[in-house]
Amino acid sequence: MKKTILTIGMMLAVALTTAFANDGGTNVSKAQTSFENNFSGASNVSWQKEENFTKATFTMSSQVMFAYYNQDGDLIAVIRNILSEQLPINLQTELKKKYSDRWISNLFEMANEGQTTYYVTLESADETITLQSTDFNTWSVFKKTKKA
């Protein structure tokens, strides 16, 4: 279940959309009620309804964030894009040591079920690799693809 949630979160964050649709359905209403309880200081909130989840995009403390809710209105995960300087020192160091020949194309932090996971997408001329870290110390390969 955790792996599924992480995979969903990863895929959603990597493929962030720029247009968000409002849906007046009950699932969005449940998510909105839950959202108001979880993020009372949020502003610029917009909603996107998908088949298996509802996504809220919002600003909190000058940071754009994304909250994902299941069909029952329960919070699944919260995601925010971060800068490499915001990573824990051990993760920054490992990136510089092992992946200095690649550039960062995506980096975000995901919080769900009391756990924080970091994802970074690194690219080279012929390969894209996505790493994840759940222990704040080391990276593991989440996904690797060759470029055509």
Protein backbone atom coordinates (compact mmCIF):
# COMPACT_ATOMS: atom_id res chain seq x y z
CA MET A 1 0.00 0.00 0.00
CA LYS A 2 2.82 2.41 0.91
CA LYS A 3 4.66 1.57 -2.31
CA THR A 4 1.46 2.25 -4.28
CA ILE A 5 0.99 5.61 -2.58
CA LEU A 6 4.64 6.50 -3.16
CA THR A 7 4.36 5.49 -6.81
CA ILE A 8 1.21 7.54 -7.29
CA GLY A 9 2.80 10.51 -5.59
CA MET A 10 5.95 10.19 -7.66
CA MET A 11 4.10 9.94 -10.95
CA LEU A 12 1.88 12.88 -10.06
CA ALA A 13 4.71 15.13 -9.00
CA VAL A 14 6.84 14.31 -12.03
CA ALA A 15 3.95 15.04 -14.38
CA LEU A 16 2.65 18.20 -12.73
CA THR A 17 -0.02 19.86 -14.78
CA THR A 18 -0.50 23.57 -15.28
CA ALA A 19 -4.28 23.65 -15.55
CA PHE A 20 -6.52 22.63 -12.69
CA ALA A 21 -10.22 21.92 -13.01
CA ASN A 22 -12.89 22.46 -10.39
CA ASP A 23 -15.31 19.61 -9.73
CA GLY A 24 -18.36 20.17 -7.58
CA GLY A 25 -18.75 16.44 -6.83
CA THR A 26 -19.00 14.88 -3.39
CA ASN A 27 -15.44 13.56 -3.43
CA VAL A 28 -14.10 17.08 -3.88
CA SER A 29 -16.42 18.32 -1.11
CA LYS A 30 -15.07 15.67 1.28
CA ALA A 31 -11.51 16.59 0.31
CA GLN A 32 -12.26 20.31 0.73
CA THR A 33 -13.62 19.75 4.23
CA SER A 34 -10.55 17.71 5.16
CA PHE A 35 -8.27 20.29 3.51
CA GLU A 36 -9.75 23.14 5.54
CA ASN A 37 -8.98 21.20 8.72
CA ASN A 38 -5.41 20.34 7.64
CA PHE A 39 -4.34 23.60 5.99
CA SER A 40 -6.26 26.46 7.57
CA GLY A 41 -3.71 29.10 6.51
CA ALA A 42 -3.63 28.08 2.84
CA SER A 43 -4.32 30.51 0.01
CA ASN A 44 -4.70 30.34 -3.79
CA VAL A 45 -6.35 26.91 -3.56
CA SER A 46 -7.37 25.14 -6.75
CA TRP A 47 -8.77 21.64 -7.19
CA GLN A 48 -8.30 18.86 -9.70
CA LYS A 49 -10.45 15.73 -9.63
CA GLU A 50 -8.98 12.51 -11.01
CA GLU A 51 -10.41 9.01 -11.08
CA ASN A 52 -8.80 7.76 -7.85
CA PHE A 53 -7.86 10.95 -6.03
CA THR A 54 -8.46 14.67 -5.65
CA LYS A 55 -5.56 17.11 -5.76
CA ALA A 56 -5.43 20.51 -4.08
CA THR A 57 -2.78 22.95 -5.25
CA PHE A 58 -2.23 25.77 -2.79
CA THR A 59 0.19 28.24 -1.29
CA MET A 60 1.24 28.09 2.34
CA SER A 61 4.06 30.14 3.85
CA SER A 62 5.01 31.37 0.35
CA GLN A 63 5.49 27.77 -0.82
CA VAL A 64 3.37 26.10 -3.52
CA MET A 65 2.25 22.69 -2.27
CA PHE A 66 0.09 19.80 -3.46
CA ALA A 67 -2.23 17.77 -1.22
CA TYR A 68 -3.69 14.48 -2.46
CA TYR A 69 -6.92 13.04 -1.05
CA ASN A 70 -8.57 9.66 -1.60
CA GLN A 71 -12.24 9.29 -2.51
CA ASP A 72 -13.23 9.33 1.16
CA GLY A 73 -11.57 12.72 1.65
CA ASP A 74 -8.63 11.29 3.61
CA LEU A 75 -5.24 12.96 3.11
CA ILE A 76 -2.90 10.62 1.18
CA ALA A 77 0.20 12.79 0.80
CA VAL A 78 1.52 16.33 0.71
CA ILE A 79 4.19 17.25 -1.84
CA ARG A 80 6.34 20.31 -2.31
CA ASN A 81 9.15 21.07 -4.71
CA ILE A 82 12.41 21.92 -2.97
CA LEU A 83 15.89 23.17 -3.79
CA SER A 84 18.89 20.86 -3.45
CA GLU A 85 20.13 23.03 -0.57
CA GLN A 86 17.00 22.01 1.37
CA LEU A 87 17.96 18.33 1.35
CA PRO A 88 19.50 16.79 4.45
CA ILE A 89 23.31 17.12 4.37
CA ASN A 90 23.90 13.38 3.87
CA LEU A 91 21.66 13.32 0.79
CA GLN A 92 23.30 16.43 -0.66
CA THR A 93 26.75 14.90 -0.16
CA GLU A 94 25.80 11.59 -1.78
CA LEU A 95 24.37 13.38 -4.82
CA LYS A 96 27.58 15.38 -5.25
CA LYS A 97 29.81 12.32 -4.83
CA LYS A 98 27.95 9.77 -6.96
CA TYR A 99 26.03 11.86 -9.48
CA SER A 100 28.13 14.97 -10.14
CA ASP A 101 28.02 14.26 -13.89
CA ARG A 102 24.21 14.69 -14.00
CA TRP A 103 21.83 17.60 -13.58
CA ILE A 104 18.72 17.78 -11.41
CA SER A 105 15.50 18.11 -13.41
CA ASN A 106 13.04 17.52 -10.55
CA LEU A 107 13.34 17.44 -6.76
CA PHE A 108 10.52 17.18 -4.27
CA GLU A 109 9.65 16.15 -0.75
CA MET A 110 6.61 13.99 -0.02
CA ALA A 111 5.05 13.57 3.41
CA ASN A 112 2.56 10.77 4.03
CA GLU A 113 1.59 8.65 7.01
CA GLY A 114 4.10 10.49 9.21
CA GLN A 115 7.01 9.68 6.89
CA THR A 116 8.99 12.05 4.67
CA THR A 117 10.42 10.78 1.39
CA TYR A 118 12.66 12.69 -1.00
CA TYR A 119 12.67 12.13 -4.76
CA VAL A 120 15.21 13.53 -7.20
CA THR A 121 15.27 13.08 -10.97
CA LEU A 122 18.76 13.29 -12.46
CA GLU A 123 19.57 13.42 -16.14
CA SER A 124 22.54 12.89 -18.40
CA ALA A 125 22.71 12.97 -22.17
CA ASP A 126 21.58 9.35 -22.49
CA GLU A 127 19.78 8.44 -19.24
CA THR A 128 17.22 9.65 -16.70
CA ILE A 129 17.33 8.24 -13.19
CA THR A 130 14.96 8.90 -10.31
CA LEU A 131 16.24 8.30 -6.80
CA GLN A 132 14.31 8.14 -3.54
CA SER A 133 15.30 8.40 0.09
CA THR A 134 13.22 7.52 3.11
CA ASP A 135 16.02 7.47 5.68
CA PHE A 136 17.58 10.94 5.18
CA ASN A 137 20.97 9.25 4.68
CA THR A 138 21.08 7.35 1.38
CA TRP A 139 19.48 7.30 -2.04
CA SER A 140 18.07 4.22 -3.76
CA VAL A 141 17.13 3.88 -7.42
CA PHE A 142 13.39 4.31 -7.90
CA LYS A 143 13.33 4.38 -11.71
CA LYS A 144 15.87 4.36 -14.50
CA THR A 145 15.25 4.98 -18.21
CA LYS A 146 17.44 5.29 -21.27
CA LYS A 147 16.87 8.25 -23.55
CA ALA A 148 16.14 7.53 -27.19
